[in-house]
Amino acid sequence: MRSKYWLLLLVVLAGCSTQQGGVKAAKNHLYAVGYAPISLQKPLDHQQKLLHAMRASKMDAYRELTEQLGGVLSVSSSTMNSQILQDGIVSNRSRGVVRGARVVNSYPDGDMYITELELDLKLYEKLRLGR
């Protein structure tokens, strides 16, 4: 029963994944795009900023794939005093292992560095199960 639930979740998430950049959508594939601003990176040297942005955009893309595969845990709380909303907090978390993803494209666009990843779900399952 649980494996059917995960398979259904993967199919639904694959249908909800967005296509960006020049990536052509394919059946049984997930796509993720990561972004990072180049000018806001810490190093002073432009080349180092570019390298940091490249890495950050790749990490962002992997975070997106992790969310698509495992979902997002959302926790929220609100405080009221005399029927007046005082505070509202929302926290999101995702955790997981992504195996078999490949970088489809990686490029600067203005001040942003963009990385596009693709994950073949059949390969992912094969690697996940150790076959």
Foldseek 3Di string as FASTA:
>chain_A
DVVVVLVVLLQVLLVVADDDDPDDRDPQKHKFKFKFFQVPDPDPDSVVSVVVLQVRRVVRRVVVVQCSNFNKDKDKDWDDDPNHTDDIDIDIDGDDDFPDKDWPDWQDDVRMTMTMIMHRNVVRVCVVVVD
